[in-house]
Amino acid sequence: MNIGFNQKTAEKRLVEEQLYKQISDEIQNGYKRDGLWLKAISDCDNNNDKAKSLYVKLRFQALVDEQTIECKQVQHKNESHMATIDSVIITMIIILIFIAVGIFLMS
């Protein structure tokens, strides 16, 4: 029996579960993002039960957004480091060329 396996989908589900667990822990510990909670209450016409559900969705998206931004910042930092390394390598090559030319001219 082939149920089909998609590694990306499986990884996505595991990450989603971890994010929902984080949200659950936050709620159990009394932590609430005030801005998201106010948006949830406002969008649900002060219906607390609906607002709780919407808050979880908003918090989930906020966590995804935070991770996305963090990944982009790390990627940008890595790209900057690579550009610096490239510049150093090019400079070293130029210096080696000058040294080689100098040695050649001295001979």
Protein backbone atom coordinates (compact mmCIF):
# COMPACT_ATOMS: atom_id res chain seq x y z
CA MET A 1 0.00 0.00 0.00
CA ASN A 2 1.49 3.32 -1.10
CA ILE A 3 0.18 6.19 1.02
CA GLY A 4 2.54 8.66 -0.60
CA PHE A 5 5.17 10.55 1.28
CA ASN A 6 6.09 14.13 0.74
CA GLN A 7 9.00 15.18 2.94
CA LYS A 8 8.24 18.91 2.60
CA THR A 9 4.63 18.37 3.65
CA ALA A 10 5.70 16.19 6.58
CA GLU A 11 8.26 18.78 7.70
CA LYS A 12 5.67 21.54 7.36
CA ARG A 13 3.20 19.63 9.55
CA LEU A 14 5.83 19.07 12.23
CA VAL A 15 6.80 22.75 12.23
CA GLU A 16 3.12 23.74 12.45
CA GLU A 17 2.66 21.41 15.41
CA GLN A 18 5.65 22.98 17.16
CA LEU A 19 4.26 26.47 16.56
CA TYR A 20 0.82 25.52 17.91
CA LYS A 21 2.53 23.97 20.95
CA GLN A 22 4.37 27.25 21.51
CA ILE A 23 1.09 29.16 21.29
CA SER A 24 -0.55 26.72 23.71
CA ASP A 25 2.33 27.15 26.18
CA GLU A 26 2.09 30.93 25.88
CA ILE A 27 -1.65 30.91 26.58
CA GLN A 28 -1.26 28.53 29.53
CA ASN A 29 1.42 30.83 30.97
CA GLY A 30 -0.79 33.89 30.56
CA TYR A 31 1.29 35.43 27.79
CA LYS A 32 -0.71 37.27 25.17
CA ARG A 33 0.39 39.70 22.47
CA ASP A 34 -1.77 42.69 23.26
CA GLY A 35 -1.88 44.03 19.71
CA LEU A 36 -2.98 40.68 18.28
CA TRP A 37 -5.50 40.17 21.07
CA LEU A 38 -7.03 43.61 20.47
CA LYS A 39 -7.26 42.88 16.74
CA ALA A 40 -8.93 39.54 17.45
CA ILE A 41 -11.46 41.12 19.84
CA SER A 42 -12.13 43.94 17.40
CA ASP A 43 -12.58 41.62 14.41
CA CYS A 44 -14.94 39.37 16.41
CA ASP A 45 -17.18 42.15 17.75
CA ASN A 46 -16.08 41.49 21.34
CA ASN A 47 -17.09 37.80 21.16
CA ASN A 48 -14.46 36.27 23.47
CA ASP A 49 -14.81 32.68 22.19
CA LYS A 50 -14.40 33.69 18.55
CA ALA A 51 -11.62 36.09 19.52
CA LYS A 52 -9.65 33.28 21.18
CA SER A 53 -9.83 31.23 18.02
CA LEU A 54 -8.85 34.18 15.84
CA TYR A 55 -6.03 35.09 18.23
CA VAL A 56 -4.48 31.62 17.77
CA LYS A 57 -4.59 32.07 13.98
CA LEU A 58 -3.11 35.56 14.22
CA ARG A 59 -0.38 34.42 16.63
CA PHE A 60 0.45 31.45 14.39
CA GLN A 61 0.86 33.80 11.41
CA ALA A 62 2.94 36.19 13.54
CA LEU A 63 5.32 33.35 14.46
CA VAL A 64 5.63 32.32 10.81
CA ASP A 65 6.29 35.96 9.86
CA GLU A 66 8.93 36.31 12.59
CA GLN A 67 10.72 33.18 11.39
CA THR A 68 10.55 34.35 7.78
CA ILE A 69 12.05 37.73 8.65
CA GLU A 70 14.73 36.10 10.80
CA CYS A 71 15.69 33.75 7.96
CA LYS A 72 15.94 36.67 5.52
CA GLN A 73 18.14 38.60 7.96
CA VAL A 74 20.44 35.59 8.37
CA GLN A 75 20.53 35.11 4.60
CA HIS A 76 21.38 38.80 4.08
CA LYS A 77 24.12 38.59 6.73
CA ASN A 78 25.55 35.47 5.06
CA GLU A 79 25.49 37.21 1.67
CA SER A 80 27.35 40.18 3.16
CA HIS A 81 29.96 37.86 4.64
CA MET A 82 30.36 36.09 1.30
CA ALA A 83 30.83 39.44 -0.48
CA THR A 84 33.52 40.36 2.03
CA ILE A 85 35.25 37.01 1.55
CA ASP A 86 35.06 37.45 -2.23
CA SER A 87 36.67 40.91 -1.92
CA VAL A 88 39.47 39.52 0.25
CA ILE A 89 40.12 36.69 -2.19
CA ILE A 90 40.20 39.07 -5.17
CA THR A 91 42.57 41.39 -3.29
CA MET A 92 44.85 38.46 -2.44
CA ILE A 93 44.88 37.31 -6.07
CA ILE A 94 45.81 40.81 -7.23
CA ILE A 95 48.60 40.99 -4.65
CA LEU A 96 49.89 37.59 -5.76
CA ILE A 97 49.83 38.72 -9.40
CA PHE A 98 51.84 41.84 -8.49
CA ILE A 99 54.32 39.73 -6.55
CA ALA A 100 54.64 37.26 -9.44
CA VAL A 101 55.10 40.12 -11.94
CA GLY A 102 57.68 41.72 -9.63
CA ILE A 103 59.60 38.46 -9.33
CA PHE A 104 59.43 37.97 -13.10
CA LEU A 105 60.73 41.50 -13.76
CA MET A 106 63.55 41.08 -11.24
CA SER A 107 64.80 37.93 -12.95
